[in-house]
Protein backbone atom coordinates (compact mmCIF):
# COMPACT_ATOMS: atom_id res chain seq x y z
CA MET A 1 57.35 -108.43 -101.45
CA HIS A 2 60.58 -107.64 -98.95
CA SER A 3 63.29 -106.81 -100.59
CA LEU A 4 66.52 -105.89 -98.54
CA LEU A 5 68.76 -103.03 -99.04
CA LYS A 6 73.09 -104.96 -100.03
CA PRO A 7 74.68 -104.59 -96.87
CA GLN A 8 77.79 -102.82 -97.11
CA ASP A 9 81.39 -104.21 -96.57
CA SER A 10 81.35 -103.12 -92.72
CA PRO A 11 78.87 -104.55 -89.51
CA ASP A 12 78.40 -100.85 -88.67
CA THR A 13 77.92 -99.10 -92.26
CA GLY A 14 75.47 -101.87 -93.37
CA ALA A 15 72.05 -100.46 -95.45
CA VAL A 16 70.27 -102.95 -93.51
CA ILE A 17 71.03 -102.11 -90.40
CA GLY A 18 67.40 -101.78 -88.16
CA GLN A 19 65.83 -103.88 -91.11
CA VAL A 20 63.57 -106.47 -90.28
CA TRP A 21 64.80 -109.30 -92.04
CA PRO A 22 61.46 -111.49 -93.75
CA ASP A 23 59.98 -114.13 -91.93
CA VAL A 24 60.28 -116.75 -94.51
CA SER A 25 59.95 -120.42 -94.46
CA LEU A 26 61.52 -122.50 -96.46
CA PRO A 27 62.44 -126.47 -96.26
CA ASP A 28 65.85 -127.53 -93.87
CA GLN A 29 68.44 -130.32 -94.99
CA THR A 30 65.98 -133.15 -93.65
CA GLY A 31 62.90 -131.22 -95.83
CA VAL A 32 60.80 -130.36 -93.05
CA VAL A 33 59.47 -126.78 -93.59
CA ARG A 34 60.60 -124.52 -91.16
CA THR A 35 60.00 -120.75 -90.29
CA LEU A 36 63.39 -118.38 -89.72
CA THR A 37 61.58 -117.38 -86.29
CA GLU A 38 61.39 -121.07 -84.82
CA VAL A 39 64.93 -121.71 -85.83
CA CYS A 40 65.43 -119.00 -84.42
CA GLY A 41 63.12 -118.99 -81.02
CA ARG A 42 64.45 -116.84 -78.46
CA ASP A 43 67.58 -115.79 -79.65
CA PRO A 44 70.02 -114.24 -81.53
CA ILE A 45 70.87 -115.45 -84.61
CA LEU A 46 73.77 -115.37 -87.32
CA LEU A 47 71.68 -116.12 -91.70
CA HIS A 48 74.63 -116.80 -93.43
CA THR A 49 73.73 -116.49 -97.08
CA TRP A 50 76.31 -118.68 -99.00
CA ARG A 51 77.19 -119.77 -102.72
CA GLY A 52 77.28 -123.95 -102.65
CA VAL A 53 79.04 -126.51 -102.36
CA PHE A 54 80.89 -125.88 -105.19
CA CYS A 55 82.89 -123.04 -104.13
CA PRO A 56 86.35 -123.75 -102.44
CA LYS A 57 85.47 -120.21 -100.54
CA GLU A 58 81.95 -121.10 -99.19
CA GLN A 59 84.05 -124.44 -97.41
CA THR A 60 86.97 -122.64 -96.57
CA PHE A 61 84.83 -120.24 -94.47
CA PHE A 62 82.73 -122.84 -92.98
CA ARG A 63 85.59 -125.46 -92.18
CA GLN A 64 87.83 -121.91 -90.58
CA VAL A 65 85.37 -119.64 -89.13
CA LEU A 66 81.81 -121.41 -88.88
CA MET A 67 82.88 -124.81 -87.29
CA PRO A 68 85.26 -123.70 -84.52
CA LEU A 69 81.77 -121.30 -83.49
CA GLN A 70 79.94 -124.33 -83.33
CA GLU A 71 80.58 -125.53 -79.96
CA GLU A 72 80.40 -121.24 -78.65
CA THR A 73 77.04 -121.05 -80.07
CA ASP A 74 75.61 -124.87 -78.24
CA VAL A 75 76.00 -123.10 -74.96
CA ALA A 76 75.78 -119.49 -75.26
CA TYR A 77 71.63 -118.77 -75.78
CA THR A 78 73.08 -118.63 -79.70
CA ARG A 79 72.18 -119.89 -83.33
CA MET A 80 73.41 -119.94 -86.62
CA VAL A 81 71.16 -120.44 -89.65
CA SER A 82 73.11 -120.72 -93.22
CA LEU A 83 70.64 -120.23 -96.16
CA SER A 84 71.19 -121.77 -99.82
CA THR A 85 70.31 -122.57 -102.62
CA GLU A 86 71.43 -126.28 -102.71
CA PRO A 87 68.37 -128.67 -102.08
CA PRO A 88 68.05 -130.13 -98.62
CA GLU A 89 70.27 -133.84 -99.45
CA VAL A 90 72.51 -131.77 -100.82
CA ALA A 91 72.58 -128.95 -97.90
CA TYR A 92 71.75 -132.17 -95.69
CA ALA A 93 75.36 -134.25 -97.17
CA PHE A 94 77.19 -131.05 -97.24
CA ARG A 95 76.49 -130.48 -93.39
CA ALA A 96 77.04 -134.18 -92.08
CA GLY A 97 80.49 -133.49 -93.94
CA LEU A 98 81.51 -131.03 -92.39
CA GLY A 99 79.81 -131.91 -88.66
CA ALA A 100 77.65 -129.26 -88.19
CA ARG A 101 74.80 -129.23 -85.83
CA TRP A 102 73.06 -126.20 -86.86
CA THR A 103 70.32 -125.75 -89.26
CA PHE A 104 70.44 -125.12 -93.08
CA LEU A 105 67.93 -123.61 -95.13
CA CYS A 106 67.34 -124.95 -98.82
CA ASP A 107 65.88 -122.45 -101.42
CA PRO A 108 66.00 -125.02 -104.44
CA ASP A 109 63.39 -122.81 -106.32
CA ARG A 110 64.86 -119.41 -105.34
CA ARG A 111 61.61 -117.61 -104.33
CA VAL A 112 63.28 -116.15 -100.92
CA LEU A 113 66.54 -115.64 -102.59
CA ASP A 114 63.98 -113.23 -105.17
CA GLN A 115 62.71 -112.30 -102.99
CA THR A 116 65.49 -110.44 -101.23
CA GLY A 117 67.21 -109.81 -104.54
CA LEU A 118 70.28 -111.35 -102.70
CA ALA A 119 71.84 -113.22 -105.43
CA GLU A 120 74.78 -113.04 -106.86
CA THR A 121 74.98 -111.25 -110.30
CA THR A 122 78.15 -112.29 -111.73
CA ASP A 123 77.74 -116.20 -111.61
CA THR A 124 74.93 -117.28 -113.78
CA VAL A 125 75.41 -120.31 -114.17
CA HIS A 126 73.91 -121.79 -110.70
CA HIS A 127 72.16 -118.40 -109.66
CA PRO A 128 73.15 -118.56 -106.61
CA TYR A 129 72.99 -116.38 -103.45
CA ALA A 130 75.53 -113.93 -102.69
CA PRO A 131 77.86 -114.62 -99.22
CA TYR A 132 76.52 -112.38 -97.03
CA ALA A 133 76.50 -112.57 -93.40
CA PHE A 134 73.98 -110.78 -90.56
CA LEU A 135 73.28 -111.28 -86.71
CA LEU A 136 69.93 -111.39 -85.87
CA MET A 137 67.62 -110.39 -82.90
CA PRO A 138 65.03 -112.90 -82.18
CA ASP A 139 62.02 -110.21 -83.66
CA LEU A 140 64.33 -110.43 -87.01
CA THR A 141 66.27 -107.27 -86.86
CA VAL A 142 69.48 -107.09 -88.39
CA THR A 143 72.37 -105.75 -86.12
CA ALA A 144 75.09 -106.44 -87.94
CA ALA A 145 76.00 -107.28 -91.69
CA TRP A 146 78.79 -108.38 -94.03
CA ASN A 147 79.43 -108.01 -97.17
CA GLY A 148 81.39 -111.47 -98.27
CA TYR A 149 81.39 -110.99 -102.14
CA TRP A 150 85.09 -111.00 -101.46
CA TYR A 151 86.63 -113.41 -99.17
CA TRP A 152 88.07 -110.41 -96.78
CA GLY A 153 85.48 -109.35 -96.58
CA ARG A 154 83.27 -112.32 -93.93
CA PRO A 155 83.73 -111.21 -90.38
CA THR A 156 86.08 -114.07 -88.59
CA GLY A 157 85.21 -115.48 -85.80
CA GLU A 158 86.39 -112.63 -83.64
CA ASP A 159 83.90 -110.54 -85.26
CA LEU A 160 80.90 -112.50 -84.64
CA ARG A 161 82.23 -113.27 -81.21
CA GLN A 162 81.99 -109.57 -80.67
CA ALA A 163 78.52 -109.05 -82.30
CA PHE A 164 76.26 -112.08 -80.59
CA ARG A 165 78.19 -110.63 -77.31
CA LYS A 166 76.60 -106.70 -78.28
CA ALA A 167 73.61 -108.62 -79.19
CA MET A 168 73.08 -110.26 -75.93
CA ARG A 169 73.89 -107.18 -73.95
CA VAL A 170 70.89 -105.96 -75.46
CA ARG A 171 68.83 -109.17 -75.43
CA HIS A 172 69.98 -109.43 -71.60
CA ALA A 173 69.99 -105.76 -70.43
CA ASP A 174 68.53 -106.94 -67.10
CA THR A 175 70.99 -109.91 -66.06
CA TRP A 176 73.70 -108.29 -67.71
CA GLN A 177 75.33 -105.78 -65.49
CA VAL A 178 77.85 -106.56 -62.17
CA PRO A 179 77.74 -105.91 -59.35
CA GLN A 180 78.64 -102.06 -58.20
CA ASP A 181 79.11 -102.75 -54.28
CA LEU A 182 80.61 -105.52 -52.74
CA GLY A 183 80.70 -104.38 -49.51
């Protein structure tokens, strides 16, 4: 049984920094079972847990933060994945309505939710994930984390750009350097 510690409010002090996220197998928005490493490939990835389509905070975060980053992550060798307890058909419809192109993983049986301990404890009706954001390296090591229980604890687009930039510098240190001498 793998259990992640809940991250603190700051990506710099998160208790999960350095831990490895479990390589879970879940259906995506089309019902195809995929592992997290399969979705991640060789790229850093933003793993975003969210409450569900019923939450206006989640809808705002998707529209105001994640959707504007989509074009950048598509070309920057980085990826995003959103994880909720929504069944695939609901995730598919929500994703299509947004115009999102990234993967939505679905945990309607709450197997991974219970395994990770990331449940929203104040919502006893839906038993959803609490809203967290984790930046993972390709080996699923957590390099940044945000606690989005309160909306302002979530990362901004710029927070995510800087976290991806830092991850890419580590991932591609050999090709990230600028010339030292032009003569």
